[in-house]
PDB file of all heavy atoms in Angstrom:
ATOM      1  N   ALA A   1     -38.405 -52.862 -13.502  1.00  0.00           N
ATOM      2  CA  ALA A   1     -37.932 -51.564 -12.950  1.00  0.00           C
ATOM      3  C   ALA A   1     -36.426 -51.480 -12.789  1.00  0.00           C
ATOM      4  O   ALA A   1     -35.852 -50.364 -12.924  1.00  0.00           O
ATOM      5  CB  ALA A   1     -38.604 -51.351 -11.574  1.00  0.00           C
ATOM      6  N   ASP A   2     -35.755 -52.597 -12.532  1.00  0.00           N
ATOM      7  CA  ASP A   2     -34.303 -52.550 -12.361  1.00  0.00           C
ATOM      8  C   ASP A   2     -33.514 -52.704 -13.659  1.00  0.00           C
ATOM      9  O   ASP A   2     -32.308 -52.865 -13.631  1.00  0.00           O
ATOM     10  CB  ASP A   2     -33.846 -53.645 -11.363  1.00  0.00           C
ATOM     11  CG  ASP A   2     -34.223 -55.085 -11.812  1.00  0.00           C
ATOM     12  OD1 ASP A   2     -34.557 -55.243 -13.000  1.00  0.00           O
ATOM     13  OD2 ASP A   2     -34.135 -56.012 -10.957  1.00  0.00           O
ATOM     14  N   GLY A   3     -34.228 -52.703 -14.754  1.00  0.00           N
ATOM     15  CA  GLY A   3     -33.579 -52.810 -16.045  1.00  0.00           C
ATOM     16  C   GLY A   3     -33.468 -54.216 -16.655  1.00  0.00           C
ATOM     17  O   GLY A   3     -33.016 -54.371 -17.789  1.00  0.00           O
ATOM     18  N   THR A   4     -33.862 -55.215 -15.930  1.00  0.00           N
ATOM     19  CA  THR A   4     -33.889 -56.588 -16.432  1.00  0.00           C
ATOM     20  C   THR A   4     -34.938 -56.745 -17.554  1.00  0.00           C
ATOM     21  O   THR A   4     -36.052 -56.230 -17.410  1.00  0.00           O
ATOM     22  CB  THR A   4     -34.147 -57.590 -15.321  1.00  0.00           C
ATOM     23  OG1 THR A   4     -33.076 -57.618 -14.387  1.00  0.00           O
ATOM     24  CG2 THR A   4     -34.352 -58.995 -15.855  1.00  0.00           C
ATOM     25  N   VAL A   5     -34.522 -57.320 -18.663  1.00  0.00           N
ATOM     26  CA  VAL A   5     -35.407 -57.510 -19.803  1.00  0.00           C
ATOM     27  C   VAL A   5     -35.783 -58.973 -19.926  1.00  0.00           C
ATOM     28  O   VAL A   5     -34.921 -59.869 -19.944  1.00  0.00           O
ATOM     29  CB  VAL A   5     -34.724 -57.033 -21.117  1.00  0.00           C
ATOM     30  CG1 VAL A   5     -35.669 -57.312 -22.332  1.00  0.00           C
ATOM     31  CG2 VAL A   5     -34.396 -55.534 -21.037  1.00  0.00           C
ATOM     32  N   LEU A   6     -37.083 -59.277 -20.020  1.00  0.00           N
ATOM     33  CA  LEU A   6     -37.590 -60.653 -20.204  1.00  0.00           C
ATOM     34  C   LEU A   6     -38.478 -60.655 -21.440  1.00  0.00           C
ATOM     35  O   LEU A   6     -39.079 -59.633 -21.808  1.00  0.00           O
ATOM     36  CB  LEU A   6     -38.379 -61.097 -19.002  1.00  0.00           C
ATOM     37  CG  LEU A   6     -37.672 -61.098 -17.674  1.00  0.00           C
ATOM     38  CD1 LEU A   6     -38.648 -61.443 -16.520  1.00  0.00           C
ATOM     39  CD2 LEU A   6     -36.495 -62.055 -17.648  1.00  0.00           C
ATOM     40  N   GLY A   7     -38.518 -61.786 -22.098  1.00  0.00           N
ATOM     41  CA  GLY A   7     -39.321 -61.842 -23.311  1.00  0.00           C
ATOM     42  C   GLY A   7     -39.339 -63.198 -23.985  1.00  0.00           C
ATOM     43  O   GLY A   7     -38.893 -64.202 -23.393  1.00  0.00           O
ATOM     44  N   GLN A   8     -39.787 -63.198 -25.197  1.00  0.00           N
ATOM     45  CA  GLN A   8     -39.896 -64.388 -25.976  1.00  0.00           C
ATOM     46  C   GLN A   8     -39.582 -64.108 -27.393  1.00  0.00           C
ATOM     47  O   GLN A   8     -40.131 -63.149 -28.022  1.00  0.00           O
ATOM     48  CB  GLN A   8     -41.300 -64.960 -25.856  1.00  0.00           C
ATOM     49  CG  GLN A   8     -41.572 -66.288 -26.567  1.00  0.00           C
ATOM     50  CD  GLN A   8     -42.944 -66.874 -26.186  1.00  0.00           C
ATOM     51  OE1 GLN A   8     -43.066 -67.621 -25.219  1.00  0.00           O
ATOM     52  NE2 GLN A   8     -43.907 -66.512 -26.956  1.00  0.00           N
ATOM     53  N   LYS A   9     -38.748 -64.915 -28.046  1.00  0.00           N
ATOM     54  CA  LYS A   9     -38.364 -64.797 -29.430  1.00  0.00           C
ATOM     55  C   LYS A   9     -39.077 -65.893 -30.207  1.00  0.00           C
ATOM     56  O   LYS A   9     -38.943 -67.070 -29.904  1.00  0.00           O
ATOM     57  CB  LYS A   9     -36.874 -64.919 -29.594  1.00  0.00           C
ATOM     58  CG  LYS A   9     -36.405 -64.708 -31.022  1.00  0.00           C
ATOM     59  CD  LYS A   9     -34.876 -64.780 -31.113  1.00  0.00           C
ATOM     60  CE  LYS A   9     -34.359 -64.441 -32.468  1.00  0.00           C
ATOM     61  NZ  LYS A   9     -34.766 -65.399 -33.530  1.00  0.00           N
ATOM     62  N   VAL A  10     -39.871 -65.518 -31.185  1.00  0.00           N
ATOM     63  CA  VAL A  10     -40.583 -66.462 -32.033  1.00  0.00           C
ATOM     64  C   VAL A  10     -39.848 -66.631 -33.348  1.00  0.00           C
ATOM     65  O   VAL A  10     -39.547 -65.676 -34.110  1.00  0.00           O
ATOM     66  CB  VAL A  10     -42.026 -65.953 -32.274  1.00  0.00           C
ATOM     67  CG1 VAL A  10     -42.806 -66.951 -33.219  1.00  0.00           C
ATOM     68  CG2 VAL A  10     -42.792 -65.778 -30.966  1.00  0.00           C
ATOM     69  N   THR A  11     -39.564 -67.915 -33.693  1.00  0.00           N
ATOM     70  CA  THR A  11     -38.776 -68.214 -34.845  1.00  0.00           C
ATOM     71  C   THR A  11     -39.383 -69.358 -35.628  1.00  0.00           C
ATOM     72  O   THR A  11     -39.851 -70.356 -35.056  1.00  0.00           O
ATOM     73  CB  THR A  11     -37.357 -68.710 -34.429  1.00  0.00           C
ATOM     74  OG1 THR A  11     -36.781 -67.796 -33.469  1.00  0.00           O
ATOM     75  CG2 THR A  11     -36.424 -68.816 -35.636  1.00  0.00           C
ATOM     76  N   PRO A  12     -39.448 -69.204 -36.968  1.00  0.00           N
ATOM     77  CA  PRO A  12     -40.012 -70.348 -37.739  1.00  0.00           C
ATOM     78  C   PRO A  12     -39.073 -71.487 -37.801  1.00  0.00           C
ATOM     79  O   PRO A  12     -37.855 -71.339 -37.599  1.00  0.00           O
ATOM     80  CB  PRO A  12     -40.239 -69.736 -39.148  1.00  0.00           C
ATOM     81  CG  PRO A  12     -39.229 -68.587 -39.218  1.00  0.00           C
ATOM     82  CD  PRO A  12     -39.139 -68.053 -37.845  1.00  0.00           C
ATOM     83  N   LEU A  13     -39.592 -72.698 -38.039  1.00  0.00           N
ATOM     84  CA  LEU A  13     -38.747 -73.895 -38.318  1.00  0.00           C
ATOM     85  C   LEU A  13     -37.927 -73.642 -39.589  1.00  0.00           C
ATOM     86  O   LEU A  13     -38.349 -72.873 -40.463  1.00  0.00           O
ATOM     87  CB  LEU A  13     -39.625 -75.100 -38.491  1.00  0.00           C
ATOM     88  CG  LEU A  13     -40.573 -75.482 -37.395  1.00  0.00           C
ATOM     89  CD1 LEU A  13     -41.272 -76.805 -37.722  1.00  0.00           C
ATOM     90  CD2 LEU A  13     -39.887 -75.600 -36.058  1.00  0.00           C
ATOM     91  N   ASP A  14     -36.787 -74.274 -39.649  1.00  0.00           N
ATOM     92  CA  ASP A  14     -35.952 -74.163 -40.844  1.00  0.00           C
ATOM     93  C   ASP A  14     -36.575 -74.884 -42.029  1.00  0.00           C
ATOM     94  O   ASP A  14     -36.513 -74.424 -43.182  1.00  0.00           O
ATOM     95  CB  ASP A  14     -34.547 -74.677 -40.614  1.00  0.00           C
ATOM     96  CG  ASP A  14     -33.713 -73.789 -39.674  1.00  0.00           C
ATOM     97  OD1 ASP A  14     -34.064 -72.633 -39.532  1.00  0.00           O
ATOM     98  OD2 ASP A  14     -32.684 -74.270 -39.140  1.00  0.00           O
ATOM     99  N   ARG A  15     -37.138 -76.045 -41.716  1.00  0.00           N
ATOM    100  CA  ARG A  15     -37.613 -76.887 -42.854  1.00  0.00           C
ATOM    101  C   ARG A  15     -38.751 -77.775 -42.347  1.00  0.00           C
ATOM    102  O   ARG A  15     -38.688 -78.378 -41.305  1.00  0.00           O
ATOM    103  CB  ARG A  15     -36.443 -77.748 -43.406  1.00  0.00           C
ATOM    104  CG  ARG A  15     -36.779 -78.507 -44.686  1.00  0.00           C
ATOM    105  CD  ARG A  15     -35.631 -79.350 -45.155  1.00  0.00           C
ATOM    106  NE  ARG A  15     -34.543 -78.575 -45.665  1.00  0.00           N
ATOM    107  CZ  ARG A  15     -33.275 -78.645 -45.248  1.00  0.00           C
ATOM    108  NH1 ARG A  15     -32.953 -79.467 -44.217  1.00  0.00           N
ATOM    109  NH2 ARG A  15     -32.325 -77.882 -45.796  1.00  0.00           N
ATOM    110  N   ALA A  16     -39.849 -77.839 -43.116  1.00  0.00           N
ATOM    111  CA  ALA A  16     -40.982 -78.687 -42.780  1.00  0.00           C
ATOM    112  C   ALA A  16     -41.187 -79.685 -43.861  1.00  0.00           C
ATOM    113  O   ALA A  16     -41.020 -79.434 -45.062  1.00  0.00           O
ATOM    114  CB  ALA A  16     -42.237 -77.799 -42.609  1.00  0.00           C
ATOM    115  N   GLY A  17     -41.644 -80.911 -43.453  1.00  0.00           N
ATOM    116  CA  GLY A  17     -41.917 -81.960 -44.383  1.00  0.00           C
ATOM    117  C   GLY A  17     -43.412 -82.198 -44.418  1.00  0.00           C
ATOM    118  O   GLY A  17     -44.072 -82.285 -43.385  1.00  0.00           O
ATOM    119  N   LEU A  18     -43.939 -82.331 -45.637  1.00  0.00           N
ATOM    120  CA  LEU A  18     -45.369 -82.520 -45.841  1.00  0.00           C
ATOM    121  C   LEU A  18     -45.607 -83.829 -46.509  1.00  0.00           C
ATOM    122  O   LEU A  18     -45.163 -84.075 -47.644  1.00  0.00           O
ATOM    123  CB  LEU A  18     -45.942 -81.355 -46.677  1.00  0.00           C
ATOM    124  CG  LEU A  18     -47.280 -81.473 -47.277  1.00  0.00           C
ATOM    125  CD1 LEU A  18     -48.332 -81.819 -46.210  1.00  0.00           C
ATOM    126  CD2 LEU A  18     -47.701 -80.230 -48.032  1.00  0.00           C
ATOM    127  N   TYR A  19     -46.300 -84.733 -45.843  1.00  0.00           N
ATOM    128  CA  TYR A  19     -46.740 -86.011 -46.424  1.00  0.00           C
ATOM    129  C   TYR A  19     -48.074 -85.867 -47.063  1.00  0.00           C
ATOM    130  O   TYR A  19     -49.056 -85.462 -46.398  1.00  0.00           O
ATOM    131  CB  TYR A  19     -46.755 -87.119 -45.380  1.00  0.00           C
ATOM    132  CG  TYR A  19     -46.911 -88.494 -46.046  1.00  0.00           C
ATOM    133  CD1 TYR A  19     -45.843 -89.315 -46.276  1.00  0.00           C
ATOM    134  CD2 TYR A  19     -48.180 -88.932 -46.507  1.00  0.00           C
ATOM    135  CE1 TYR A  19     -45.932 -90.552 -46.906  1.00  0.00           C
ATOM    136  CE2 TYR A  19     -48.316 -90.147 -47.156  1.00  0.00           C
ATOM    137  CZ  TYR A  19     -47.197 -90.966 -47.358  1.00  0.00           C
ATOM    138  OH  TYR A  19     -47.346 -92.156 -48.035  1.00  0.00           O
ATOM    139  N   VAL A  20     -48.215 -86.218 -48.302  1.00  0.00           N
ATOM    140  CA  VAL A  20     -49.475 -86.131 -49.065  1.00  0.00           C
ATOM    141  C   VAL A  20     -49.799 -87.524 -49.603  1.00  0.00           C
ATOM    142  O   VAL A  20     -49.004 -88.081 -50.349  1.00  0.00           O
ATOM    143  CB  VAL A  20     -49.410 -85.088 -50.169  1.00  0.00           C
ATOM    144  CG1 VAL A  20     -50.707 -85.070 -50.943  1.00  0.00           C
ATOM    145  CG2 VAL A  20     -49.042 -83.727 -49.611  1.00  0.00           C
ATOM    146  N   PRO A  21     -50.927 -88.119 -49.230  1.00  0.00           N
ATOM    147  CA  PRO A  21     -51.295 -89.392 -49.835  1.00  0.00           C
ATOM    148  C   PRO A  21     -51.390 -89.282 -51.392  1.00  0.00           C
ATOM    149  O   PRO A  21     -51.694 -88.227 -51.931  1.00  0.00           O
ATOM    150  CB  PRO A  21     -52.693 -89.665 -49.279  1.00  0.00           C
ATOM    151  CG  PRO A  21     -52.774 -88.832 -48.052  1.00  0.00           C
ATOM    152  CD  PRO A  21     -51.948 -87.610 -48.365  1.00  0.00           C
ATOM    153  N   GLY A  22     -51.050 -90.361 -52.034  1.00  0.00           N
ATOM    154  CA  GLY A  22     -51.081 -90.338 -53.515  1.00  0.00           C
ATOM    155  C   GLY A  22     -51.920 -91.532 -54.049  1.00  0.00           C
ATOM    156  O   GLY A  22     -52.547 -92.284 -53.303  1.00  0.00           O
ATOM    157  N   GLY A  23     -51.958 -91.645 -55.351  1.00  0.00           N
ATOM    158  CA  GLY A  23     -52.755 -92.686 -55.977  1.00  0.00           C
ATOM    159  C   GLY A  23     -54.234 -92.370 -55.877  1.00  0.00           C
ATOM    160  O   GLY A  23     -54.660 -91.287 -56.143  1.00  0.00           O
ATOM    161  N   LYS A  24     -55.010 -93.363 -55.435  1.00  0.00           N
ATOM    162  CA  LYS A  24     -56.484 -93.163 -55.388  1.00  0.00           C
ATOM    163  C   LYS A  24     -56.863 -92.115 -54.352  1.00  0.00           C
ATOM    164  O   LYS A  24     -57.763 -91.311 -54.589  1.00  0.00           O
ATOM    165  CB  LYS A  24     -57.164 -94.491 -55.004  1.00  0.00           C
ATOM    166  CG  LYS A  24     -57.090 -95.561 -56.136  1.00  0.00           C
ATOM    167  CD  LYS A  24     -57.792 -96.844 -55.672  1.00  0.00           C
ATOM    168  CE  LYS A  24     -57.766 -97.865 -56.823  1.00  0.00           C
ATOM    169  NZ  LYS A  24     -58.392 -99.151 -56.385  1.00  0.00           N
ATOM    170  N   ALA A  25     -56.192 -92.103 -53.229  1.00  0.00           N
ATOM    171  CA  ALA A  25     -56.540 -91.137 -52.190  1.00  0.00           C
ATOM    172  C   ALA A  25     -55.639 -89.890 -52.352  1.00  0.00           C
ATOM    173  O   ALA A  25     -54.633 -89.759 -51.698  1.00  0.00           O
ATOM    174  CB  ALA A  25     -56.285 -91.739 -50.800  1.00  0.00           C
ATOM    175  N   SER A  26     -55.993 -89.020 -53.227  1.00  0.00           N
ATOM    176  CA  SER A  26     -55.242 -87.809 -53.517  1.00  0.00           C
ATOM    177  C   SER A  26     -56.052 -86.578 -53.068  1.00  0.00           C
ATOM    178  O   SER A  26     -57.179 -86.402 -53.466  1.00  0.00           O
ATOM    179  CB  SER A  26     -54.924 -87.689 -54.985  1.00  0.00           C
ATOM    180  OG  SER A  26     -54.066 -88.737 -55.392  1.00  0.00           O
ATOM    181  N   TYR A  27     -55.425 -85.784 -52.173  1.00  0.00           N
ATOM    182  CA  TYR A  27     -56.128 -84.682 -51.547  1.00  0.00           C
ATOM    183  C   TYR A  27     -55.415 -83.363 -51.769  1.00  0.00           C
ATOM    184  O   TYR A  27     -54.562 -82.972 -50.955  1.00  0.00           O
ATOM    185  CB  TYR A  27     -56.323 -84.990 -50.080  1.00  0.00           C
ATOM    186  CG  TYR A  27     -57.105 -86.204 -49.803  1.00  0.00           C
ATOM    187  CD1 TYR A  27     -56.509 -87.311 -49.161  1.00  0.00           C
ATOM    188  CD2 TYR A  27     -58.423 -86.348 -50.192  1.00  0.00           C
ATOM    189  CE1 TYR A  27     -57.208 -88.442 -48.887  1.00  0.00           C
ATOM    190  CE2 TYR A  27     -59.155 -87.513 -49.937  1.00  0.00           C
ATOM    191  CZ  TYR A  27     -58.562 -88.540 -49.281  1.00  0.00           C
ATOM    192  OH  TYR A  27     -59.229 -89.678 -49.013  1.00  0.00           O
ATOM    193  N   PRO A  28     -55.721 -82.616 -52.851  1.00  0.00           N
ATOM    194  CA  PRO A  28     -55.111 -81.308 -53.021  1.00  0.00           C
ATOM    195  C   PRO A  28     -55.423 -80.357 -51.879  1.00  0.00           C
ATOM    196  O   PRO A  28     -54.603 -79.507 -51.517  1.00  0.00           O
ATOM    197  CB  PRO A  28     -55.731 -80.769 -54.337  1.00  0.00           C
ATOM    198  CG  PRO A  28     -56.871 -81.660 -54.630  1.00  0.00           C
ATOM    199  CD  PRO A  28     -56.594 -82.969 -53.996  1.00  0.00           C
ATOM    200  N   SER A  29     -56.610 -80.532 -51.238  1.00  0.00           N
ATOM    201  CA  SER A  29     -56.950 -79.671 -50.106  1.00  0.00           C
ATOM    202  C   SER A  29     -55.917 -79.865 -48.957  1.00  0.00           C
ATOM    203  O   SER A  29     -55.595 -78.922 -48.213  1.00  0.00           O
ATOM    204  CB  SER A  29     -58.356 -79.982 -49.600  1.00  0.00           C
ATOM    205  OG  SER A  29     -58.468 -81.353 -49.234  1.00  0.00           O
ATOM    206  N   SER A  30     -55.428 -81.065 -48.790  1.00  0.00           N
ATOM    207  CA  SER A  30     -54.482 -81.380 -47.732  1.00  0.00           C
ATOM    208  C   SER A  30     -53.164 -80.623 -47.965  1.00  0.00           C
ATOM    209  O   SER A  30     -52.507 -80.144 -47.052  1.00  0.00           O
ATOM    210  CB  SER A  30     -54.197 -82.882 -47.684  1.00  0.00           C
ATOM    211  OG  SER A  30     -53.513 -83.207 -46.598  1.00  0.00           O
ATOM    212  N   VAL A  31     -52.777 -80.486 -49.214  1.00  0.00           N
ATOM    213  CA  VAL A  31     -51.596 -79.708 -49.554  1.00  0.00           C
ATOM    214  C   VAL A  31     -51.756 -78.230 -49.084  1.00  0.00           C
ATOM    215  O   VAL A  31     -50.825 -77.712 -48.426  1.00  0.00           O
ATOM    216  CB  VAL A  31     -51.271 -79.764 -51.076  1.00  0.00           C
ATOM    217  CG1 VAL A  31     -50.064 -78.937 -51.382  1.00  0.00           C
ATOM    218  CG2 VAL A  31     -51.144 -81.193 -51.561  1.00  0.00           C
ATOM    219  N   LEU A  32     -52.848 -77.666 -49.445  1.00  0.00           N
ATOM    220  CA  LEU A  32     -53.088 -76.253 -49.058  1.00  0.00           C
ATOM    221  C   LEU A  32     -53.094 -76.124 -47.550  1.00  0.00           C
ATOM    222  O   LEU A  32     -52.509 -75.191 -46.980  1.00  0.00           O
ATOM    223  CB  LEU A  32     -54.453 -75.777 -49.603  1.00  0.00           C
ATOM    224  CG  LEU A  32     -54.655 -75.829 -51.109  1.00  0.00           C
ATOM    225  CD1 LEU A  32     -56.058 -75.277 -51.452  1.00  0.00           C
ATOM    226  CD2 LEU A  32     -53.619 -75.067 -51.889  1.00  0.00           C
ATOM    227  N   MET A  33     -53.803 -76.981 -46.844  1.00  0.00           N
ATOM    228  CA  MET A  33     -53.981 -76.868 -45.405  1.00  0.00           C
ATOM    229  C   MET A  33     -52.689 -77.082 -44.626  1.00  0.00           C
ATOM    230  O   MET A  33     -52.515 -76.593 -43.492  1.00  0.00           O
ATOM    231  CB  MET A  33     -55.045 -77.879 -44.899  1.00  0.00           C
ATOM    232  CG  MET A  33     -56.422 -77.641 -45.442  1.00  0.00           C
ATOM    233  SD  MET A  33     -57.165 -76.131 -44.738  1.00  0.00           S
ATOM    234  CE  MET A  33     -58.760 -76.087 -45.571  1.00  0.00           C
ATOM    235  N   ASN A  34     -51.767 -77.822 -45.155  1.00  0.00           N
ATOM    236  CA  ASN A  34     -50.499 -78.083 -44.510  1.00  0.00           C
ATOM    237  C   ASN A  34     -49.361 -77.173 -44.902  1.00  0.00           C
ATOM    238  O   ASN A  34     -48.584 -76.716 -44.074  1.00  0.00           O
ATOM    239  CB  ASN A  34     -50.092 -79.534 -44.713  1.00  0.00           C
ATOM    240  CG  ASN A  34     -50.853 -80.534 -43.864  1.00  0.00           C
ATOM    241  OD1 ASN A  34     -50.566 -80.831 -42.738  1.00  0.00           O
ATOM    242  ND2 ASN A  34     -51.924 -81.054 -44.458  1.00  0.00           N
ATOM    243  N   ALA A  35     -49.304 -76.835 -46.163  1.00  0.00           N
ATOM    244  CA  ALA A  35     -48.198 -76.044 -46.681  1.00  0.00           C
ATOM    245  C   ALA A  35     -48.387 -74.539 -46.398  1.00  0.00           C
ATOM    246  O   ALA A  35     -47.419 -73.845 -46.051  1.00  0.00           O
ATOM    247  CB  ALA A  35     -47.972 -76.247 -48.191  1.00  0.00           C
ATOM    248  N   ILE A  36     -49.588 -74.063 -46.558  1.00  0.00           N
ATOM    249  CA  ILE A  36     -49.811 -72.621 -46.424  1.00  0.00           C
ATOM    250  C   ILE A  36     -49.482 -72.100 -44.998  1.00  0.00           C
ATOM    251  O   ILE A  36     -48.771 -71.116 -44.836  1.00  0.00           O
ATOM    252  CB  ILE A  36     -51.237 -72.226 -46.862  1.00  0.00           C
ATOM    253  CG1 ILE A  36     -51.326 -72.371 -48.405  1.00  0.00           C
ATOM    254  CG2 ILE A  36     -51.589 -70.789 -46.483  1.00  0.00           C
ATOM    255  CD1 ILE A  36     -52.703 -72.163 -48.984  1.00  0.00           C
ATOM    256  N   PRO A  37     -49.985 -72.781 -43.951  1.00  0.00           N
ATOM    257  CA  PRO A  37     -49.608 -72.286 -42.596  1.00  0.00           C
ATOM    258  C   PRO A  37     -48.086 -72.294 -42.395  1.00  0.00           C
ATOM    259  O   PRO A  37     -47.538 -71.405 -41.700  1.00  0.00           O
ATOM    260  CB  PRO A  37     -50.274 -73.315 -41.646  1.00  0.00           C
ATOM    261  CG  PRO A  37     -51.366 -73.891 -42.429  1.00  0.00           C
ATOM    262  CD  PRO A  37     -50.894 -73.886 -43.825  1.00  0.00           C
ATOM    263  N   ALA A  38     -47.412 -73.266 -42.928  1.00  0.00           N
ATOM    264  CA  ALA A  38     -45.948 -73.299 -42.821  1.00  0.00           C
ATOM    265  C   ALA A  38     -45.318 -72.092 -43.494  1.00  0.00           C
ATOM    266  O   ALA A  38     -44.398 -71.464 -42.906  1.00  0.00           O
ATOM    267  CB  ALA A  38     -45.365 -74.608 -43.450  1.00  0.00           C
ATOM    268  N   LYS A  39     -45.803 -71.770 -44.657  1.00  0.00           N
ATOM    269  CA  LYS A  39     -45.253 -70.563 -45.386  1.00  0.00           C
ATOM    270  C   LYS A  39     -45.614 -69.272 -44.658  1.00  0.00           C
ATOM    271  O   LYS A  39     -44.826 -68.347 -44.599  1.00  0.00           O
ATOM    272  CB  LYS A  39     -45.759 -70.584 -46.810  1.00  0.00           C
ATOM    273  CG  LYS A  39     -45.027 -71.586 -47.708  1.00  0.00           C
ATOM    274  CD  LYS A  39     -43.570 -71.230 -47.766  1.00  0.00           C
ATOM    275  CE  LYS A  39     -42.709 -72.137 -48.565  1.00  0.00           C
ATOM    276  NZ  LYS A  39     -41.259 -71.784 -48.541  1.00  0.00           N
ATOM    277  N   VAL A  40     -46.855 -69.206 -44.154  1.00  0.00           N
ATOM    278  CA  VAL A  40     -47.224 -67.995 -43.359  1.00  0.00           C
ATOM    279  C   VAL A  40     -46.371 -67.839 -42.162  1.00  0.00           C
ATOM    280  O   VAL A  40     -46.022 -66.738 -41.781  1.00  0.00           O
ATOM    281  CB  VAL A  40     -48.723 -68.115 -42.985  1.00  0.00           C
ATOM    282  CG1 VAL A  40     -49.096 -66.980 -41.988  1.00  0.00           C
ATOM    283  CG2 VAL A  40     -49.637 -67.969 -44.212  1.00  0.00           C
ATOM    284  N   ALA A  41     -45.997 -68.971 -41.548  1.00  0.00           N
ATOM    285  CA  ALA A  41     -45.144 -68.936 -40.353  1.00  0.00           C
ATOM    286  C   ALA A  41     -43.685 -68.472 -40.713  1.00  0.00           C
ATOM    287  O   ALA A  41     -42.965 -68.087 -39.772  1.00  0.00           O
ATOM    288  CB  ALA A  41     -45.058 -70.328 -39.691  1.00  0.00           C
TER     289      ALA A  41
END
């Protein structure tokens, strides 16, 4: 009422690192599940 403004600013991270197992234990599904939410964010 007195003109004070309160709130929240949502900001994505600048850079995310994705570790993906390689060799025998290779999981393409893991790439999708980790990278896509980061890009959506």
